Amino acid sequence: MIERPIIALDFSSKAEIKTFLNKFPQDEPLFVKVGMEIFYQEGPAIVEWLKKAGHDIFLDLKLHDIPNTVQRSMIGLAKMGVAITTVQAAGGHQMMQAAKQGLDKGTPAGQTPPQVIAVTQLTSTSQAQMQKEQLVQASLEESVLHYAKGAQEAGLDGVVCSAWEAQKIHDVTSENFICLTPGIRPYGKAADDQKRVVSPGKAYLMGANAIVVGRPITLADDPYKAYQNIKTDWNDIADE
């Protein structure tokens, strides 16, 4: 279990992130998500800057390409020293294996390779959308479980999934297989464009090993207080 909620830094510039992080104690290490929005604006420099500040990085770029391209890309990403990174499970078994191999090859000697997890179905995707737009006629749950089993067989460390599927994923993989769940909303908060949302405490009870939280923290009037409340809900349930 990752005890700290991972904060999604879904901003468009380093300046915006700096303004946001200045609302937190400067000596408190955070676990933050760097996604496509900020990475494509600022590049690897944003990862280096956050690491120098003492934060752990979940680099969420969702790689999806031919195996050779993904492997070579992961060799480069491994040098950044991030904790976790992602691929799309839809890329297939061979591509996921290549991602793992790339991270192993690219990690400097004496360092631990980043964990790599696969995105199953986005938490913004409903079953009706999946069936109509992806032509996947299985249920949403069946699709997610199929992708999760494939990711484990390929040697990945876990998956990104909704908390609604987490325990069943553990049932078909293992309890140590990471279920990292976005779509987290404290009680009373709007779901926004997420369709399968749960509270932090409920996510733990449903089998999540880690949670990613964006707008309930980044758009809060007091982001640090919102973060602490979410962290307390997540950890208090785990300690019971």
Protein backbone atom coordinates (compact mmCIF):
# COMPACT_ATOMS: atom_id res chain seq x y z
CA MET A 1 0.00 0.00 0.00
CA ILE A 2 1.21 3.50 -0.87
CA GLU A 3 0.25 5.50 2.22
CA ARG A 4 0.34 8.94 0.60
CA PRO A 5 -2.38 9.86 -1.88
CA ILE A 6 -0.72 10.56 -5.23
CA ILE A 7 -1.51 14.15 -6.22
CA ALA A 8 -2.25 14.58 -9.94
CA LEU A 9 -0.36 17.69 -11.06
CA ASP A 10 -2.69 18.35 -13.96
CA PHE A 11 -1.38 21.82 -14.72
CA SER A 12 -0.09 23.43 -17.92
CA SER A 13 3.16 24.97 -16.67
CA LYS A 14 5.89 24.71 -14.08
CA ALA A 15 4.82 28.12 -12.77
CA GLU A 16 1.33 26.80 -11.98
CA ILE A 17 2.78 23.77 -10.21
CA LYS A 18 5.16 25.96 -8.21
CA THR A 19 2.27 28.18 -7.08
CA PHE A 20 0.30 25.08 -6.07
CA LEU A 21 3.16 23.39 -4.20
CA ASN A 22 3.95 26.61 -2.31
CA LYS A 23 0.68 25.99 -0.44
CA PHE A 24 2.23 22.84 1.10
CA PRO A 25 4.93 22.61 3.78
CA GLN A 26 8.20 22.79 1.88
CA ASP A 27 9.83 20.03 3.92
CA GLU A 28 7.06 17.47 3.31
CA PRO A 29 7.81 14.99 0.52
CA LEU A 30 4.80 14.28 -1.66
CA PHE A 31 3.96 11.58 -4.19
CA VAL A 32 2.88 13.37 -7.35
CA LYS A 33 1.64 12.37 -10.78
CA VAL A 34 3.21 13.94 -13.85
CA GLY A 35 0.89 13.32 -16.77
CA MET A 36 0.86 14.11 -20.45
CA GLU A 37 -0.42 17.67 -20.05
CA ILE A 38 2.56 18.98 -18.09
CA PHE A 39 5.17 16.59 -19.53
CA TYR A 40 4.45 17.69 -23.09
CA GLN A 41 4.78 21.34 -22.03
CA GLU A 42 7.86 21.12 -19.81
CA GLY A 43 9.55 17.84 -20.77
CA PRO A 44 11.88 15.78 -18.55
CA ALA A 45 13.01 18.94 -16.75
CA ILE A 46 9.79 19.00 -14.73
CA VAL A 47 10.53 15.51 -13.41
CA GLU A 48 14.08 16.50 -12.48
CA TRP A 49 12.84 19.63 -10.69
CA LEU A 50 10.23 17.73 -8.67
CA LYS A 51 12.73 15.04 -7.73
CA LYS A 52 15.21 17.66 -6.51
CA ALA A 53 12.43 19.01 -4.29
CA GLY A 54 12.21 15.57 -2.68
CA HIS A 55 9.01 14.29 -4.26
CA ASP A 56 8.31 10.82 -5.63
CA ILE A 57 7.05 10.69 -9.20
CA PHE A 58 4.33 8.70 -10.91
CA LEU A 59 5.04 9.39 -14.59
CA ASP A 60 1.76 8.67 -16.35
CA LEU A 61 2.41 8.79 -20.10
CA LYS A 62 0.41 5.66 -21.03
CA LEU A 63 2.79 4.43 -23.72
CA HIS A 64 1.10 2.53 -26.55
CA ASP A 65 3.11 1.69 -29.66
CA ILE A 66 4.97 -1.17 -31.29
CA PRO A 67 7.13 -3.15 -28.80
CA ASN A 68 10.47 -1.84 -30.08
CA THR A 69 9.42 1.80 -29.80
CA VAL A 70 8.01 1.31 -26.31
CA GLN A 71 11.13 -0.52 -25.15
CA ARG A 72 13.46 2.22 -26.39
CA SER A 73 11.24 4.90 -24.88
CA MET A 74 11.29 3.14 -21.52
CA ILE A 75 15.10 2.97 -21.59
CA GLY A 76 15.06 6.77 -21.62
CA LEU A 77 12.32 7.13 -19.01
CA ALA A 78 14.16 4.79 -16.63
CA LYS A 79 17.05 7.24 -16.41
CA MET A 80 14.74 9.85 -14.84
CA GLY A 81 14.43 7.89 -11.61
CA VAL A 82 10.63 7.91 -11.40
CA ALA A 83 8.87 5.50 -9.05
CA ILE A 84 6.05 4.33 -11.34
CA THR A 85 5.20 4.67 -15.01
CA THR A 86 2.44 3.39 -17.31
CA VAL A 87 1.59 1.67 -20.57
CA GLN A 88 -1.75 0.89 -22.20
CA ALA A 89 -2.78 -2.72 -21.64
CA ALA A 90 -4.45 -2.65 -25.06
CA GLY A 91 -0.95 -2.57 -26.57
CA GLY A 92 -0.69 -6.29 -25.92
CA HIS A 93 1.45 -8.84 -24.13
CA GLN A 94 4.59 -8.37 -26.24
CA MET A 95 4.50 -4.59 -25.89
CA MET A 96 4.11 -4.80 -22.11
CA GLN A 97 7.04 -7.21 -21.87
CA ALA A 98 9.12 -4.82 -23.96
CA ALA A 99 8.23 -1.96 -21.60
CA LYS A 100 9.48 -3.93 -18.61
CA GLN A 101 12.67 -4.89 -20.44
CA GLY A 102 13.31 -1.28 -21.40
CA LEU A 103 13.03 -0.11 -17.82
CA ASP A 104 15.42 -2.82 -16.66
CA LYS A 105 17.94 -1.89 -19.36
CA GLY A 106 17.71 1.84 -18.79
CA THR A 107 17.95 1.92 -14.99
CA PRO A 108 21.41 3.02 -13.82
CA ALA A 109 23.44 0.40 -11.96
CA GLY A 110 22.64 0.17 -8.28
CA GLN A 111 19.18 1.73 -8.66
CA THR A 112 15.79 0.03 -8.58
CA PRO A 113 13.87 0.07 -11.88
CA PRO A 114 10.59 1.97 -11.87
CA GLN A 115 7.46 -0.07 -11.42
CA VAL A 116 5.36 -0.27 -14.56
CA ILE A 117 1.60 -0.64 -14.49
CA ALA A 118 -0.95 -0.96 -17.27
CA VAL A 119 -3.99 1.20 -17.90
CA THR A 120 -7.04 -1.07 -18.30
CA GLN A 121 -10.19 0.95 -19.02
CA LEU A 122 -10.22 4.64 -18.13
CA THR A 123 -12.40 5.58 -15.16
CA SER A 124 -14.10 8.08 -17.49
CA THR A 125 -15.28 5.19 -19.69
CA SER A 126 -18.70 3.63 -19.17
CA GLN A 127 -19.65 0.14 -20.32
CA ALA A 128 -21.96 1.57 -22.97
CA GLN A 129 -19.15 3.71 -24.37
CA MET A 130 -16.71 0.81 -24.38
CA GLN A 131 -19.10 -1.45 -26.23
CA LYS A 132 -20.17 1.17 -28.76
CA GLU A 133 -16.89 2.97 -29.40
CA GLN A 134 -14.34 0.19 -28.90
CA LEU A 135 -16.57 -2.63 -30.19
CA VAL A 136 -15.74 -4.61 -27.06
CA GLN A 137 -18.81 -6.73 -26.40
CA ALA A 138 -17.63 -8.09 -23.05
CA SER A 139 -18.77 -6.32 -19.89
CA LEU A 140 -16.58 -3.52 -18.56
CA GLU A 141 -15.55 -5.74 -15.65
CA GLU A 142 -14.64 -8.65 -17.94
CA SER A 143 -12.52 -6.33 -20.08
CA VAL A 144 -10.66 -4.93 -17.08
CA LEU A 145 -10.01 -8.39 -15.58
CA HIS A 146 -8.78 -9.69 -18.94
CA TYR A 147 -6.35 -6.79 -19.28
CA ALA A 148 -5.17 -7.22 -15.67
CA LYS A 149 -4.40 -10.92 -16.13
CA GLY A 150 -2.52 -10.12 -19.32
CA ALA A 151 -0.47 -7.44 -17.56
CA GLN A 152 0.52 -9.85 -14.80
CA GLU A 153 1.48 -12.53 -17.33
CA ALA A 154 3.67 -9.96 -19.09
CA GLY A 155 5.53 -9.29 -15.83
CA LEU A 156 4.08 -5.90 -14.99
CA ASP A 157 3.69 -4.72 -11.41
CA GLY A 158 0.01 -3.82 -11.53
CA VAL A 159 -2.71 -1.86 -13.26
CA VAL A 160 -4.54 1.43 -13.20
CA CYS A 161 -8.19 0.63 -12.60
CA SER A 162 -11.34 1.78 -10.90
CA ALA A 163 -11.70 0.78 -7.27
CA TRP A 164 -14.85 -1.03 -8.35
CA GLU A 165 -12.71 -3.70 -10.02
CA ALA A 166 -9.77 -3.76 -7.59
CA GLN A 167 -10.64 -6.74 -5.41
CA LYS A 168 -11.66 -8.89 -8.35
CA ILE A 169 -8.37 -8.03 -10.00
CA HIS A 170 -6.57 -9.25 -6.88
CA ASP A 171 -8.65 -12.41 -7.02
CA VAL A 172 -7.46 -13.25 -10.55
CA THR A 173 -3.86 -12.02 -10.07
CA SER A 174 -2.50 -11.69 -6.51
CA GLU A 175 -2.87 -9.48 -3.44
CA ASN A 176 0.56 -7.95 -4.19
CA PHE A 177 -0.47 -6.93 -7.72
CA ILE A 178 -0.84 -3.15 -7.59
CA CYS A 179 -4.30 -1.67 -8.13
CA LEU A 180 -3.75 2.06 -8.49
CA THR A 181 -7.06 3.86 -8.63
CA PRO A 182 -7.99 7.31 -9.92
CA GLY A 183 -11.58 8.53 -9.80
CA ILE A 184 -11.31 9.35 -6.08
CA ARG A 185 -13.78 11.86 -4.70
CA PRO A 186 -14.37 12.69 -1.01
CA TYR A 187 -17.97 12.43 0.09
CA GLY A 188 -20.02 15.31 -1.27
CA LYS A 189 -17.63 16.23 -4.09
CA ALA A 190 -18.70 16.32 -7.74
CA ALA A 191 -17.68 13.43 -9.98
CA ASP A 192 -16.70 15.85 -12.81
CA ASP A 193 -15.96 13.76 -15.95
CA GLN A 194 -15.28 10.60 -13.95
CA LYS A 195 -18.04 7.98 -14.06
CA ARG A 196 -16.85 5.34 -11.58
CA VAL A 197 -15.87 7.24 -8.45
CA VAL A 198 -15.44 6.31 -4.79
CA SER A 199 -14.21 7.95 -1.59
CA PRO A 200 -10.62 7.32 -0.37
CA GLY A 201 -11.70 5.05 2.48
CA LYS A 202 -14.07 3.08 0.30
CA ALA A 203 -11.33 2.64 -2.30
CA TYR A 204 -9.16 0.94 0.31
CA LEU A 205 -11.99 -1.33 1.42
CA MET A 206 -12.57 -2.27 -2.21
CA GLY A 207 -8.96 -3.41 -2.66
CA ALA A 208 -7.04 -0.37 -3.92
CA ASN A 209 -3.32 -0.28 -3.10
CA ALA A 210 -2.84 3.35 -4.10
CA ILE A 211 -5.03 6.30 -5.03
CA VAL A 212 -4.56 9.23 -7.40
CA VAL A 213 -6.40 12.44 -6.57
CA GLY A 214 -6.52 15.54 -8.74
CA ARG A 215 -9.21 18.21 -8.68
CA PRO A 216 -10.47 17.62 -5.10
CA ILE A 217 -6.98 18.77 -4.04
CA THR A 218 -5.76 21.01 -6.85
CA LEU A 219 -8.98 23.07 -7.01
CA ALA A 220 -9.58 23.22 -3.26
CA ASP A 221 -9.55 26.57 -1.47
CA ASP A 222 -7.00 25.05 0.92
CA PRO A 223 -5.18 22.30 -1.04
CA TYR A 224 -3.05 21.14 1.88
CA LYS A 225 -6.07 20.75 4.15
CA ALA A 226 -7.89 18.83 1.40
CA TYR A 227 -4.84 16.61 0.96
CA GLN A 228 -4.59 15.91 4.67
CA ASN A 229 -8.30 15.05 4.90
CA ILE A 230 -8.00 12.61 2.00
CA LYS A 231 -4.81 11.12 3.44
CA THR A 232 -6.52 10.65 6.82
CA ASP A 233 -9.57 8.97 5.26
CA TRP A 234 -7.30 6.66 3.23
CA ASN A 235 -5.00 5.71 6.12
CA ASP A 236 -7.52 5.56 8.95
CA ILE A 237 -9.51 2.87 7.16
CA ALA A 238 -6.29 0.95 6.48
CA ASP A 239 -5.33 1.07 10.17
CA GLU A 240 -8.66 -0.24 11.44
